[in-house]
Amino acid sequence: MKKIKLIYTLFLCILMGMITGCTNNYTTIKEKIDKANFVRVELSSSRDPLDMDLATKRLYGGICVGVDGDTIYDYPDTYQDKLLGFNYTKKVYALYPFIADQTTVGEVKKANYVIVKNVKNNSNQRKLIEFLHDYGFKGYRVKIFYNHDCLPVKVQLIDRDTNKWKTITKYSYPRITEKEYEKNWKKYVKEVKAGYYLD
């Protein structure tokens, strides 16, 4: 009797694992990023990373300002600017339209954690890549590398001069609490207001 219970329990565990695995394959990368919430963006154009909290729409670092929604904390002023607020920074610096589309976990795994996509037919992605054409890139292809949690870790575009893939952004996902993030954000904003990051 114990043997039958053990076999039955093992069968149920395997079945549940298969069902969970299949369900996870349909999760979108956008859902994975939003669940991770804290995203650290390493820009090729900056020595300091940009730390983002997607839930509260706050960010600091990288571009030498603190942002809370549409409020920009700069030296010496604090001001409102919808055009340069959180959503703009998320789009242009974190390349959110490229990394957070409807690509699924299953597609990432099937592609061995590297996906090359043509973004010409997606209007949001096309506008972003055309904007980046002014910064030395060409074409409409984007190469995205993922970790084994299916979160993006690197984005490459084609360099206009070399005609080769060039890394524009890298990502990591700090495991911190909301309280820790807020403490770091406040400290950074205080330093910005004091003029610490002036060139």
C-alpha atoms as a PDB file:
ATOM      1  CA  MET A   1       0.000   0.000   0.000  1.00  0.00           C
ATOM      2  CA  LYS A   2       2.833   2.408   0.863  1.00  0.00           C
ATOM      3  CA  LYS A   3       4.443   1.618  -2.487  1.00  0.00           C
ATOM      4  CA  ILE A   4       1.240   2.510  -4.369  1.00  0.00           C
ATOM      5  CA  LYS A   5       0.895   5.797  -2.437  1.00  0.00           C
ATOM      6  CA  LEU A   6       4.516   6.663  -3.223  1.00  0.00           C
ATOM      7  CA  ILE A   7       4.070   5.947  -6.952  1.00  0.00           C
ATOM      8  CA  TYR A   8       0.806   7.931  -6.992  1.00  0.00           C
ATOM      9  CA  THR A   9       2.481  10.896  -5.209  1.00  0.00           C
ATOM     10  CA  LEU A  10       5.415  10.845  -7.657  1.00  0.00           C
ATOM     11  CA  PHE A  11       3.003  10.721 -10.600  1.00  0.00           C
ATOM     12  CA  LEU A  12       1.084  13.746  -9.263  1.00  0.00           C
ATOM     13  CA  CYS A  13       4.321  15.711  -8.702  1.00  0.00           C
ATOM     14  CA  ILE A  14       5.508  15.018 -12.253  1.00  0.00           C
ATOM     15  CA  LEU A  15       2.096  15.923 -13.678  1.00  0.00           C
ATOM     16  CA  MET A  16       1.965  19.199 -11.718  1.00  0.00           C
ATOM     17  CA  GLY A  17       5.501  20.053 -12.858  1.00  0.00           C
ATOM     18  CA  MET A  18       4.521  19.482 -16.489  1.00  0.00           C
ATOM     19  CA  ILE A  19       1.370  21.596 -16.163  1.00  0.00           C
ATOM     20  CA  THR A  20       3.271  24.416 -14.435  1.00  0.00           C
ATOM     21  CA  GLY A  21       6.027  24.285 -17.060  1.00  0.00           C
ATOM     22  CA  CYS A  22       3.525  24.485 -19.919  1.00  0.00           C
ATOM     23  CA  THR A  23       1.686  27.397 -18.300  1.00  0.00           C
ATOM     24  CA  ASN A  24       4.936  29.289 -17.739  1.00  0.00           C
ATOM     25  CA  ASN A  25       5.796  28.963 -21.434  1.00  0.00           C
ATOM     26  CA  TYR A  26       2.903  31.308 -22.256  1.00  0.00           C
ATOM     27  CA  THR A  27       3.995  33.998 -19.797  1.00  0.00           C
ATOM     28  CA  THR A  28       5.180  37.083 -21.686  1.00  0.00           C
ATOM     29  CA  ILE A  29       8.584  38.644 -21.107  1.00  0.00           C
ATOM     30  CA  LYS A  30       6.784  41.894 -20.241  1.00  0.00           C
ATOM     31  CA  GLU A  31       5.016  40.061 -17.391  1.00  0.00           C
ATOM     32  CA  LYS A  32       8.370  38.671 -16.195  1.00  0.00           C
ATOM     33  CA  ILE A  33      10.003  42.134 -16.219  1.00  0.00           C
ATOM     34  CA  ASP A  34       7.045  43.774 -14.483  1.00  0.00           C
ATOM     35  CA  LYS A  35       7.098  41.044 -11.817  1.00  0.00           C
ATOM     36  CA  ALA A  36      10.851  41.545 -11.258  1.00  0.00           C
ATOM     37  CA  ASN A  37      10.028  45.283 -10.820  1.00  0.00           C
ATOM     38  CA  PHE A  38      13.540  46.503  -9.948  1.00  0.00           C
ATOM     39  CA  VAL A  39      15.603  46.856 -13.121  1.00  0.00           C
ATOM     40  CA  ARG A  40      19.196  48.043 -13.291  1.00  0.00           C
ATOM     41  CA  VAL A  41      20.118  49.368 -16.739  1.00  0.00           C
ATOM     42  CA  GLU A  42      23.767  49.686 -17.740  1.00  0.00           C
ATOM     43  CA  LEU A  43      23.988  52.189 -20.571  1.00  0.00           C
ATOM     44  CA  SER A  44      26.919  52.033 -22.978  1.00  0.00           C
ATOM     45  CA  SER A  45      26.982  55.847 -22.846  1.00  0.00           C
ATOM     46  CA  SER A  46      27.213  56.143 -19.034  1.00  0.00           C
ATOM     47  CA  ARG A  47      29.555  54.878 -16.331  1.00  0.00           C
ATOM     48  CA  ASP A  48      26.762  54.748 -13.737  1.00  0.00           C
ATOM     49  CA  PRO A  49      23.803  52.359 -13.955  1.00  0.00           C
ATOM     50  CA  LEU A  50      20.209  53.540 -14.056  1.00  0.00           C
ATOM     51  CA  ASP A  51      18.077  51.953 -11.307  1.00  0.00           C
ATOM     52  CA  MET A  52      14.347  51.741 -12.000  1.00  0.00           C
ATOM     53  CA  ASP A  53      11.346  50.813  -9.872  1.00  0.00           C
ATOM     54  CA  LEU A  54       8.627  50.032 -12.409  1.00  0.00           C
ATOM     55  CA  ALA A  55       5.783  49.932  -9.859  1.00  0.00           C
ATOM     56  CA  THR A  56       6.380  53.373  -8.328  1.00  0.00           C
ATOM     57  CA  LYS A  57       7.746  54.952 -11.545  1.00  0.00           C
ATOM     58  CA  ARG A  58      10.922  56.101  -9.836  1.00  0.00           C
ATOM     59  CA  LEU A  59      14.471  56.007 -11.130  1.00  0.00           C
ATOM     60  CA  TYR A  60      17.912  57.322 -10.306  1.00  0.00           C
ATOM     61  CA  GLY A  61      21.476  57.205 -11.610  1.00  0.00           C
ATOM     62  CA  GLY A  62      22.853  56.930 -15.131  1.00  0.00           C
ATOM     63  CA  ILE A  63      21.446  60.191 -16.436  1.00  0.00           C
ATOM     64  CA  CYS A  64      22.404  62.150 -13.289  1.00  0.00           C
ATOM     65  CA  VAL A  65      18.871  62.989 -12.188  1.00  0.00           C
ATOM     66  CA  GLY A  66      16.248  61.458  -9.946  1.00  0.00           C
ATOM     67  CA  VAL A  67      12.784  60.907 -11.411  1.00  0.00           C
ATOM     68  CA  ASP A  68       9.448  60.275  -9.722  1.00  0.00           C
ATOM     69  CA  GLY A  69       6.751  59.963 -12.387  1.00  0.00           C
ATOM     70  CA  ASP A  70       6.939  63.271 -14.267  1.00  0.00           C
ATOM     71  CA  THR A  71       8.908  65.077 -11.538  1.00  0.00           C
ATOM     72  CA  ILE A  72      12.590  65.581 -12.375  1.00  0.00           C
ATOM     73  CA  TYR A  73      15.035  66.180  -9.516  1.00  0.00           C
ATOM     74  CA  ASP A  74      17.993  68.009 -11.025  1.00  0.00           C
ATOM     75  CA  TYR A  75      20.547  70.576  -9.888  1.00  0.00           C
ATOM     76  CA  PRO A  76      19.513  73.203  -8.884  1.00  0.00           C
ATOM     77  CA  ASP A  77      15.806  72.762  -9.690  1.00  0.00           C
ATOM     78  CA  THR A  78      12.964  70.306  -9.363  1.00  0.00           C
ATOM     79  CA  TYR A  79      10.449  70.507 -12.191  1.00  0.00           C
ATOM     80  CA  GLN A  80       7.598  68.709 -13.932  1.00  0.00           C
ATOM     81  CA  ASP A  81       8.207  67.422 -17.455  1.00  0.00           C
ATOM     82  CA  LYS A  82       6.015  64.773 -19.090  1.00  0.00           C
ATOM     83  CA  LEU A  83       8.366  64.536 -22.058  1.00  0.00           C
ATOM     84  CA  LEU A  84      11.419  63.696 -19.923  1.00  0.00           C
ATOM     85  CA  GLY A  85       9.716  61.826 -17.086  1.00  0.00           C
ATOM     86  CA  PHE A  86       9.733  58.156 -16.134  1.00  0.00           C
ATOM     87  CA  ASN A  87       7.906  56.827 -19.205  1.00  0.00           C
ATOM     88  CA  TYR A  88      10.269  58.621 -21.591  1.00  0.00           C
ATOM     89  CA  THR A  89      13.347  57.327 -19.766  1.00  0.00           C
ATOM     90  CA  LYS A  90      11.934  53.798 -19.631  1.00  0.00           C
ATOM     91  CA  LYS A  91      11.349  53.925 -23.377  1.00  0.00           C
ATOM     92  CA  VAL A  92      14.566  55.578 -24.584  1.00  0.00           C
ATOM     93  CA  TYR A  93      17.178  54.407 -22.078  1.00  0.00           C
ATOM     94  CA  ALA A  94      15.773  51.056 -20.945  1.00  0.00           C
ATOM     95  CA  LEU A  95      14.531  50.288 -24.499  1.00  0.00           C
ATOM     96  CA  TYR A  96      11.299  49.008 -22.952  1.00  0.00           C
ATOM     97  CA  PRO A  97       9.396  48.699 -26.267  1.00  0.00           C
ATOM     98  CA  PHE A  98      12.062  46.220 -27.485  1.00  0.00           C
ATOM     99  CA  ILE A  99      12.377  44.083 -24.362  1.00  0.00           C
ATOM    100  CA  ALA A 100       8.815  44.145 -22.986  1.00  0.00           C
ATOM    101  CA  ASP A 101       6.688  43.067 -25.911  1.00  0.00           C
ATOM    102  CA  GLN A 102       4.529  39.947 -26.250  1.00  0.00           C
ATOM    103  CA  THR A 103       7.468  37.545 -26.709  1.00  0.00           C
ATOM    104  CA  THR A 104       6.790  34.508 -24.503  1.00  0.00           C
ATOM    105  CA  VAL A 105       8.975  32.428 -22.214  1.00  0.00           C
ATOM    106  CA  GLY A 106       8.419  29.471 -24.556  1.00  0.00           C
ATOM    107  CA  GLU A 107       9.741  31.445 -27.538  1.00  0.00           C
ATOM    108  CA  VAL A 108      12.829  32.516 -25.590  1.00  0.00           C
ATOM    109  CA  LYS A 109      13.597  28.940 -24.518  1.00  0.00           C
ATOM    110  CA  LYS A 110      13.023  27.622 -28.043  1.00  0.00           C
ATOM    111  CA  ALA A 111      15.454  30.258 -29.408  1.00  0.00           C
ATOM    112  CA  ASN A 112      18.102  29.179 -26.860  1.00  0.00           C
ATOM    113  CA  TYR A 113      17.799  32.488 -24.931  1.00  0.00           C
ATOM    114  CA  VAL A 114      18.791  34.751 -27.858  1.00  0.00           C
ATOM    115  CA  ILE A 115      16.147  36.351 -30.075  1.00  0.00           C
ATOM    116  CA  VAL A 116      16.735  38.503 -33.144  1.00  0.00           C
ATOM    117  CA  LYS A 117      13.631  40.424 -34.101  1.00  0.00           C
ATOM    118  CA  ASN A 118      12.751  42.744 -36.946  1.00  0.00           C
ATOM    119  CA  VAL A 119      10.953  45.720 -35.402  1.00  0.00           C
ATOM    120  CA  LYS A 120       9.990  47.503 -38.611  1.00  0.00           C
ATOM    121  CA  ASN A 121       6.318  46.475 -38.457  1.00  0.00           C
ATOM    122  CA  ASN A 122       5.693  47.449 -34.821  1.00  0.00           C
ATOM    123  CA  SER A 123       5.110  51.219 -34.728  1.00  0.00           C
ATOM    124  CA  ASN A 124       6.424  51.784 -31.156  1.00  0.00           C
ATOM    125  CA  GLN A 125       9.525  49.697 -31.780  1.00  0.00           C
ATOM    126  CA  ARG A 126      10.097  51.246 -35.225  1.00  0.00           C
ATOM    127  CA  LYS A 127       9.931  54.806 -33.834  1.00  0.00           C
ATOM    128  CA  LEU A 128      12.467  53.915 -31.156  1.00  0.00           C
ATOM    129  CA  ILE A 129      14.946  52.281 -33.525  1.00  0.00           C
ATOM    130  CA  GLU A 130      14.625  55.185 -35.976  1.00  0.00           C
ATOM    131  CA  PHE A 131      15.414  57.532 -33.074  1.00  0.00           C
ATOM    132  CA  LEU A 132      18.510  55.399 -32.350  1.00  0.00           C
ATOM    133  CA  HIS A 133      19.607  55.674 -36.002  1.00  0.00           C
ATOM    134  CA  ASP A 134      20.711  59.219 -35.069  1.00  0.00           C
ATOM    135  CA  TYR A 135      23.140  57.682 -32.548  1.00  0.00           C
ATOM    136  CA  GLY A 136      25.182  55.488 -34.890  1.00  0.00           C
ATOM    137  CA  PHE A 137      22.929  52.488 -35.434  1.00  0.00           C
ATOM    138  CA  LYS A 138      21.206  51.224 -38.580  1.00  0.00           C
ATOM    139  CA  GLY A 139      18.623  48.727 -39.729  1.00  0.00           C
ATOM    140  CA  TYR A 140      15.541  47.377 -38.015  1.00  0.00           C
ATOM    141  CA  ARG A 141      16.908  44.276 -36.326  1.00  0.00           C
ATOM    142  CA  VAL A 142      17.349  43.978 -32.567  1.00  0.00           C
ATOM    143  CA  LYS A 143      19.196  41.137 -30.816  1.00  0.00           C
ATOM    144  CA  ILE A 144      18.108  40.390 -27.247  1.00  0.00           C
ATOM    145  CA  PHE A 145      19.914  38.013 -24.884  1.00  0.00           C
ATOM    146  CA  TYR A 146      18.049  36.458 -21.932  1.00  0.00           C
ATOM    147  CA  ASN A 147      19.108  34.770 -18.692  1.00  0.00           C
ATOM    148  CA  HIS A 148      17.637  31.397 -17.655  1.00  0.00           C
ATOM    149  CA  ASP A 149      14.801  33.196 -15.850  1.00  0.00           C
ATOM    150  CA  CYS A 150      13.890  34.534 -19.323  1.00  0.00           C
ATOM    151  CA  LEU A 151      14.649  38.132 -18.330  1.00  0.00           C
ATOM    152  CA  PRO A 152      16.527  40.305 -20.854  1.00  0.00           C
ATOM    153  CA  VAL A 153      20.191  40.835 -19.954  1.00  0.00           C
ATOM    154  CA  LYS A 154      21.565  42.521 -23.083  1.00  0.00           C
ATOM    155  CA  VAL A 155      20.348  44.344 -26.207  1.00  0.00           C
ATOM    156  CA  GLN A 156      22.413  44.753 -29.358  1.00  0.00           C
ATOM    157  CA  LEU A 157      21.819  46.835 -32.484  1.00  0.00           C
ATOM    158  CA  ILE A 158      23.781  46.994 -35.739  1.00  0.00           C
ATOM    159  CA  ASP A 159      26.543  49.608 -35.666  1.00  0.00           C
ATOM    160  CA  ARG A 160      26.431  51.842 -38.736  1.00  0.00           C
ATOM    161  CA  ASP A 161      30.239  52.095 -39.057  1.00  0.00           C
ATOM    162  CA  THR A 162      31.265  48.472 -38.454  1.00  0.00           C
ATOM    163  CA  ASN A 163      28.098  46.761 -39.710  1.00  0.00           C
ATOM    164  CA  LYS A 164      28.372  44.442 -36.673  1.00  0.00           C
ATOM    165  CA  TRP A 165      26.236  43.879 -33.609  1.00  0.00           C
ATOM    166  CA  LYS A 166      27.044  46.319 -30.816  1.00  0.00           C
ATOM    167  CA  THR A 167      25.778  46.195 -27.234  1.00  0.00           C
ATOM    168  CA  ILE A 168      23.744  49.278 -26.387  1.00  0.00           C
ATOM    169  CA  THR A 169      22.271  48.224 -23.023  1.00  0.00           C
ATOM    170  CA  LYS A 170      22.705  45.565 -20.317  1.00  0.00           C
ATOM    171  CA  TYR A 171      20.223  44.649 -17.594  1.00  0.00           C
ATOM    172  CA  SER A 172      20.203  43.076 -14.158  1.00  0.00           C
ATOM    173  CA  TYR A 173      17.440  42.651 -11.610  1.00  0.00           C
ATOM    174  CA  PRO A 174      18.494  43.548  -8.050  1.00  0.00           C
ATOM    175  CA  ARG A 175      16.770  41.547  -5.322  1.00  0.00           C
ATOM    176  CA  ILE A 176      15.974  44.403  -2.962  1.00  0.00           C
ATOM    177  CA  THR A 177      12.931  45.546  -1.020  1.00  0.00           C
ATOM    178  CA  GLU A 178      10.821  48.607  -1.751  1.00  0.00           C
ATOM    179  CA  LYS A 179      12.186  50.156   1.443  1.00  0.00           C
ATOM    180  CA  GLU A 180      15.822  49.636   0.364  1.00  0.00           C
ATOM    181  CA  TYR A 181      15.112  51.087  -3.069  1.00  0.00           C
ATOM    182  CA  GLU A 182      13.397  54.148  -1.588  1.00  0.00           C
ATOM    183  CA  LYS A 183      16.344  54.743   0.753  1.00  0.00           C
ATOM    184  CA  ASN A 184      18.806  54.586  -2.181  1.00  0.00           C
ATOM    185  CA  TRP A 185      16.575  56.813  -4.323  1.00  0.00           C
ATOM    186  CA  LYS A 186      16.275  59.484  -1.614  1.00  0.00           C
ATOM    187  CA  LYS A 187      20.040  59.449  -1.015  1.00  0.00           C
ATOM    188  CA  TYR A 188      20.721  59.875  -4.744  1.00  0.00           C
ATOM    189  CA  VAL A 189      18.185  62.708  -5.116  1.00  0.00           C
ATOM    190  CA  LYS A 190      19.767  64.491  -2.140  1.00  0.00           C
ATOM    191  CA  GLU A 191      23.191  64.209  -3.818  1.00  0.00           C
ATOM    192  CA  VAL A 192      21.783  65.492  -7.132  1.00  0.00           C
ATOM    193  CA  LYS A 193      20.228  68.502  -5.386  1.00  0.00           C
ATOM    194  CA  ALA A 194      23.599  69.213  -3.722  1.00  0.00           C
ATOM    195  CA  GLY A 195      25.316  69.261  -7.127  1.00  0.00           C
ATOM    196  CA  TYR A 196      27.403  66.086  -6.673  1.00  0.00           C
ATOM    197  CA  TYR A 197      26.950  64.940 -10.282  1.00  0.00           C
ATOM    198  CA  LEU A 198      27.871  68.137 -12.105  1.00  0.00           C
ATOM    199  CA  ASP A 199      30.501  67.699 -14.833  1.00  0.00           C
END
